[in-house]
């Protein structure tokens, strides 16, 4: 349950990365976002080693969580596979938001 709450907070951070709000981030805001991305990449590895039922149940909850959110992550779906590429996604979005 706590992991799902963490995922919800991380989803909000990812949303903020896609908004103009990111322009006002300080160094500690960026560090926090990177720390969350690295944390969820580790979660991805651990979930990959878990039982299939646990993996599928958590994946389903992540997808449901993203559908409940009032925003989207572009063409990406927030699921366990997404977590495995969290840092890559974060860097891509920050780059696009900052330089494009």
N, C-alpha and C. Protein backbone atom coordinates (compact mmCIF):
# COMPACT_ATOMS: atom_id res chain seq x y z
N UNK A 1 0.83 -1.20 0.00
CA UNK A 1 0.00 0.00 0.00
C UNK A 1 0.87 1.25 0.00
N UNK A 2 1.92 1.24 0.80
CA UNK A 2 2.82 2.38 0.87
C UNK A 2 3.53 2.60 -0.47
N UNK A 3 3.85 1.51 -1.15
CA UNK A 3 4.49 1.61 -2.45
C UNK A 3 3.56 2.26 -3.47
N UNK A 4 2.29 1.97 -3.36
CA UNK A 4 1.32 2.58 -4.26
C UNK A 4 1.20 4.08 -3.98
N UNK A 5 1.25 4.45 -2.71
CA UNK A 5 1.22 5.88 -2.35
C UNK A 5 2.47 6.58 -2.88
N UNK A 6 3.61 5.92 -2.78
CA UNK A 6 4.85 6.48 -3.34
C UNK A 6 4.72 6.65 -4.85
N UNK A 7 4.12 5.68 -5.49
CA UNK A 7 3.93 5.74 -6.94
C UNK A 7 3.04 6.93 -7.32
N UNK A 8 2.05 7.19 -6.49
CA UNK A 8 1.17 8.33 -6.75
C UNK A 8 1.94 9.64 -6.64
N UNK A 9 2.80 9.74 -5.64
CA UNK A 9 3.62 10.94 -5.49
C UNK A 9 4.59 11.09 -6.66
N UNK A 10 5.18 9.98 -7.08
CA UNK A 10 6.10 10.01 -8.21
C UNK A 10 5.37 10.41 -9.50
N UNK A 11 4.18 9.92 -9.66
CA UNK A 11 3.37 10.29 -10.82
C UNK A 11 3.12 11.80 -10.85
N UNK A 12 2.88 12.38 -9.69
CA UNK A 12 2.69 13.83 -9.60
C UNK A 12 3.97 14.58 -9.98
N UNK A 13 5.10 14.07 -9.54
CA UNK A 13 6.39 14.68 -9.91
C UNK A 13 6.58 14.62 -11.42
N UNK A 14 6.27 13.48 -12.00
CA UNK A 14 6.39 13.35 -13.46
C UNK A 14 5.46 14.33 -14.18
N UNK A 15 4.29 14.52 -13.64
CA UNK A 15 3.37 15.50 -14.22
C UNK A 15 3.97 16.90 -14.14
N UNK A 16 4.51 17.24 -12.98
CA UNK A 16 5.10 18.57 -12.81
C UNK A 16 6.25 18.80 -13.79
N UNK A 17 6.96 17.74 -14.13
CA UNK A 17 8.06 17.85 -15.10
C UNK A 17 7.56 18.28 -16.47
N UNK A 18 6.32 17.98 -16.76
CA UNK A 18 5.75 18.28 -18.08
C UNK A 18 5.07 19.65 -18.12
N UNK A 19 5.14 20.39 -17.04
CA UNK A 19 4.49 21.70 -16.98
C UNK A 19 5.53 22.82 -16.93
N UNK A 20 5.07 24.01 -17.03
CA UNK A 20 5.93 25.18 -16.95
C UNK A 20 6.54 25.32 -15.55
N UNK A 21 5.94 24.68 -14.58
CA UNK A 21 6.41 24.74 -13.19
C UNK A 21 7.87 24.30 -13.07
N UNK A 22 8.32 23.41 -13.95
CA UNK A 22 9.68 22.88 -13.87
C UNK A 22 10.73 23.98 -14.05
N UNK A 23 10.38 25.04 -14.72
CA UNK A 23 11.31 26.15 -14.93
C UNK A 23 11.74 26.77 -13.60
N UNK A 24 10.89 26.68 -12.60
CA UNK A 24 11.17 27.29 -11.30
C UNK A 24 11.79 26.32 -10.29
N UNK A 25 12.08 25.11 -10.73
CA UNK A 25 12.68 24.14 -9.83
C UNK A 25 14.07 24.59 -9.39
N UNK A 26 14.39 24.26 -8.17
CA UNK A 26 15.73 24.47 -7.62
C UNK A 26 16.47 23.14 -7.69
N UNK A 27 17.73 23.15 -7.30
CA UNK A 27 18.54 21.94 -7.33
C UNK A 27 17.96 20.80 -6.51
N UNK A 28 17.40 21.13 -5.34
CA UNK A 28 16.83 20.08 -4.49
C UNK A 28 15.56 19.47 -5.11
N UNK A 29 14.82 20.25 -5.90
CA UNK A 29 13.64 19.71 -6.59
C UNK A 29 14.07 18.69 -7.64
N UNK A 30 15.12 19.02 -8.37
CA UNK A 30 15.65 18.12 -9.38
C UNK A 30 16.21 16.85 -8.74
N UNK A 31 16.94 17.03 -7.64
CA UNK A 31 17.49 15.87 -6.93
C UNK A 31 16.37 14.96 -6.45
N UNK A 32 15.32 15.53 -5.95
CA UNK A 32 14.18 14.74 -5.46
C UNK A 32 13.57 13.92 -6.61
N UNK A 33 13.40 14.55 -7.76
CA UNK A 33 12.84 13.85 -8.92
C UNK A 33 13.76 12.71 -9.36
N UNK A 34 15.06 12.96 -9.41
CA UNK A 34 16.02 11.93 -9.80
C UNK A 34 16.03 10.80 -8.77
N UNK A 35 15.99 11.14 -7.49
CA UNK A 35 15.96 10.12 -6.44
C UNK A 35 14.74 9.22 -6.58
N UNK A 36 13.57 9.82 -6.87
CA UNK A 36 12.37 9.02 -7.06
C UNK A 36 12.52 8.10 -8.28
N UNK A 37 13.07 8.63 -9.36
CA UNK A 37 13.26 7.82 -10.57
C UNK A 37 14.17 6.63 -10.28
N UNK A 38 15.27 6.88 -9.59
CA UNK A 38 16.19 5.79 -9.26
C UNK A 38 15.54 4.78 -8.31
N UNK A 39 14.77 5.28 -7.37
CA UNK A 39 14.05 4.40 -6.44
C UNK A 39 13.12 3.46 -7.21
N UNK A 40 12.37 4.00 -8.15
CA UNK A 40 11.42 3.17 -8.87
C UNK A 40 12.09 2.25 -9.90
N UNK A 41 13.27 2.58 -10.33
CA UNK A 41 14.01 1.62 -11.16
C UNK A 41 14.41 0.41 -10.32
N UNK A 42 14.75 0.65 -9.05
CA UNK A 42 15.06 -0.47 -8.14
C UNK A 42 13.80 -1.27 -7.84
N UNK A 43 12.68 -0.59 -7.68
CA UNK A 43 11.41 -1.28 -7.46
C UNK A 43 11.11 -2.19 -8.65
N UNK A 44 11.35 -1.69 -9.84
CA UNK A 44 11.13 -2.47 -11.06
C UNK A 44 11.92 -3.78 -11.01
N UNK A 45 13.18 -3.69 -10.63
CA UNK A 45 14.03 -4.89 -10.56
C UNK A 45 13.46 -5.87 -9.53
N UNK A 46 13.09 -5.36 -8.36
CA UNK A 46 12.53 -6.23 -7.31
C UNK A 46 11.23 -6.88 -7.75
N UNK A 47 10.36 -6.10 -8.39
CA UNK A 47 9.08 -6.66 -8.84
C UNK A 47 9.27 -7.70 -9.94
N UNK A 48 10.31 -7.53 -10.72
CA UNK A 48 10.61 -8.51 -11.76
C UNK A 48 10.97 -9.87 -11.20
N UNK A 49 11.43 -9.88 -9.94
CA UNK A 49 11.81 -11.12 -9.28
C UNK A 49 10.67 -11.69 -8.43
N UNK A 50 9.58 -10.97 -8.36
CA UNK A 50 8.47 -11.41 -7.52
C UNK A 50 7.57 -12.41 -8.26
N UNK A 51 6.63 -12.94 -7.53
CA UNK A 51 5.68 -13.88 -8.13
C UNK A 51 4.85 -13.16 -9.19
N UNK A 52 4.45 -13.92 -10.18
CA UNK A 52 3.69 -13.36 -11.30
C UNK A 52 2.42 -12.66 -10.82
N UNK A 53 1.74 -13.23 -9.83
CA UNK A 53 0.49 -12.64 -9.33
C UNK A 53 0.74 -11.27 -8.68
N UNK A 54 1.84 -11.18 -7.93
CA UNK A 54 2.19 -9.91 -7.26
C UNK A 54 2.51 -8.86 -8.33
N UNK A 55 3.30 -9.27 -9.31
CA UNK A 55 3.69 -8.38 -10.40
C UNK A 55 2.46 -7.85 -11.14
N UNK A 56 1.58 -8.75 -11.52
CA UNK A 56 0.40 -8.37 -12.29
C UNK A 56 -0.57 -7.51 -11.46
N UNK A 57 -0.71 -7.83 -10.19
CA UNK A 57 -1.61 -7.05 -9.34
C UNK A 57 -1.10 -5.62 -9.17
N UNK A 58 0.19 -5.48 -8.91
CA UNK A 58 0.75 -4.13 -8.75
C UNK A 58 0.72 -3.37 -10.07
N UNK A 59 1.00 -4.06 -11.16
CA UNK A 59 0.94 -3.42 -12.47
C UNK A 59 -0.47 -2.88 -12.74
N UNK A 60 -1.45 -3.68 -12.42
CA UNK A 60 -2.84 -3.27 -12.60
C UNK A 60 -3.17 -2.03 -11.77
N UNK A 61 -2.65 -1.98 -10.56
CA UNK A 61 -2.89 -0.82 -9.69
C UNK A 61 -2.20 0.43 -10.24
N UNK A 62 -1.01 0.27 -10.79
CA UNK A 62 -0.32 1.41 -11.39
C UNK A 62 -1.09 1.97 -12.58
N UNK A 63 -1.56 1.08 -13.43
CA UNK A 63 -2.32 1.51 -14.61
C UNK A 63 -3.59 2.22 -14.17
N UNK A 64 -4.26 1.66 -13.18
CA UNK A 64 -5.48 2.28 -12.65
C UNK A 64 -5.18 3.65 -12.06
N UNK A 65 -4.07 3.75 -11.35
CA UNK A 65 -3.66 5.02 -10.75
C UNK A 65 -3.45 6.08 -11.83
N UNK A 66 -2.80 5.70 -12.90
CA UNK A 66 -2.54 6.67 -13.97
C UNK A 66 -3.83 7.07 -14.68
N UNK A 67 -4.78 6.17 -14.78
CA UNK A 67 -6.06 6.50 -15.41
C UNK A 67 -6.90 7.43 -14.53
N UNK A 68 -6.69 7.35 -13.22
CA UNK A 68 -7.42 8.22 -12.30
C UNK A 68 -6.83 9.63 -12.29
N UNK A 69 -5.57 9.75 -12.67
CA UNK A 69 -4.90 11.06 -12.66
C UNK A 69 -5.55 11.96 -13.70
N UNK A 70 -5.49 13.25 -13.44
CA UNK A 70 -6.10 14.21 -14.35
C UNK A 70 -5.14 14.62 -15.46
N UNK A 71 -4.08 13.88 -15.65
CA UNK A 71 -3.08 14.19 -16.67
C UNK A 71 -2.52 12.88 -17.21
N UNK A 72 -1.83 12.97 -18.33
CA UNK A 72 -1.24 11.80 -18.97
C UNK A 72 0.27 11.99 -19.07
N UNK A 73 0.97 10.93 -19.36
CA UNK A 73 2.42 10.98 -19.52
C UNK A 73 2.80 10.90 -20.99
N UNK A 74 2.10 11.65 -21.79
CA UNK A 74 2.35 11.57 -23.23
C UNK A 74 1.82 10.25 -23.75
N UNK A 75 2.63 9.57 -24.54
CA UNK A 75 2.21 8.29 -25.10
C UNK A 75 2.57 7.11 -24.20
N UNK A 76 3.26 7.41 -23.11
CA UNK A 76 3.70 6.36 -22.21
C UNK A 76 2.61 6.00 -21.21
N UNK A 77 2.56 4.73 -20.86
CA UNK A 77 1.61 4.27 -19.85
C UNK A 77 2.37 4.03 -18.56
N UNK A 78 1.83 4.50 -17.47
CA UNK A 78 2.45 4.33 -16.16
C UNK A 78 2.18 2.90 -15.69
N UNK A 79 3.17 2.06 -15.82
CA UNK A 79 3.06 0.66 -15.42
C UNK A 79 4.43 0.20 -14.94
N UNK A 80 4.56 -1.07 -14.63
CA UNK A 80 5.84 -1.57 -14.12
C UNK A 80 6.95 -1.40 -15.15
N UNK A 81 6.67 -1.66 -16.40
CA UNK A 81 7.69 -1.48 -17.44
C UNK A 81 8.17 -0.03 -17.49
N UNK A 82 7.26 0.90 -17.32
CA UNK A 82 7.61 2.32 -17.29
C UNK A 82 8.60 2.58 -16.15
N UNK A 83 8.34 1.97 -14.98
CA UNK A 83 9.21 2.18 -13.83
C UNK A 83 10.65 1.79 -14.14
N UNK A 84 10.81 0.79 -14.98
CA UNK A 84 12.15 0.34 -15.35
C UNK A 84 12.94 1.35 -16.16
N UNK A 85 12.26 2.35 -16.69
CA UNK A 85 12.90 3.39 -17.51
C UNK A 85 12.63 4.77 -16.93
N UNK A 86 12.44 4.82 -15.64
CA UNK A 86 12.05 6.08 -14.99
C UNK A 86 13.04 7.21 -15.21
N UNK A 87 14.30 6.93 -15.01
CA UNK A 87 15.30 8.00 -15.15
C UNK A 87 15.38 8.48 -16.59
N UNK A 88 15.35 7.55 -17.53
CA UNK A 88 15.38 7.91 -18.95
C UNK A 88 14.19 8.82 -19.30
N UNK A 89 13.01 8.46 -18.82
CA UNK A 89 11.82 9.26 -19.09
C UNK A 89 11.96 10.65 -18.47
N UNK A 90 12.42 10.70 -17.23
CA UNK A 90 12.57 11.97 -16.52
C UNK A 90 13.52 12.89 -17.28
N UNK A 91 14.66 12.37 -17.68
CA UNK A 91 15.65 13.17 -18.41
C UNK A 91 15.06 13.66 -19.73
N UNK A 92 14.37 12.78 -20.43
CA UNK A 92 13.76 13.16 -21.72
C UNK A 92 12.75 14.29 -21.54
N UNK A 93 11.90 14.16 -20.56
CA UNK A 93 10.87 15.19 -20.35
C UNK A 93 11.49 16.50 -19.90
N UNK A 94 12.45 16.43 -19.02
CA UNK A 94 13.11 17.65 -18.56
C UNK A 94 13.85 18.35 -19.69
N UNK A 95 14.48 17.57 -20.54
CA UNK A 95 15.19 18.14 -21.69
C UNK A 95 14.19 18.83 -22.63
N UNK A 96 13.14 18.13 -22.96
CA UNK A 96 12.13 18.69 -23.88
C UNK A 96 11.52 19.94 -23.28
N UNK A 97 11.19 19.91 -22.00
CA UNK A 97 10.52 21.03 -21.35
C UNK A 97 11.46 22.24 -21.24
N UNK A 98 12.75 21.97 -21.06
CA UNK A 98 13.70 23.05 -20.84
C UNK A 98 14.23 23.65 -22.14
N UNK A 99 14.46 22.80 -23.15
CA UNK A 99 15.13 23.28 -24.35
C UNK A 99 14.30 23.35 -25.61
N UNK A 100 13.11 22.83 -25.58
CA UNK A 100 12.32 22.83 -26.80
C UNK A 100 11.12 23.76 -26.69
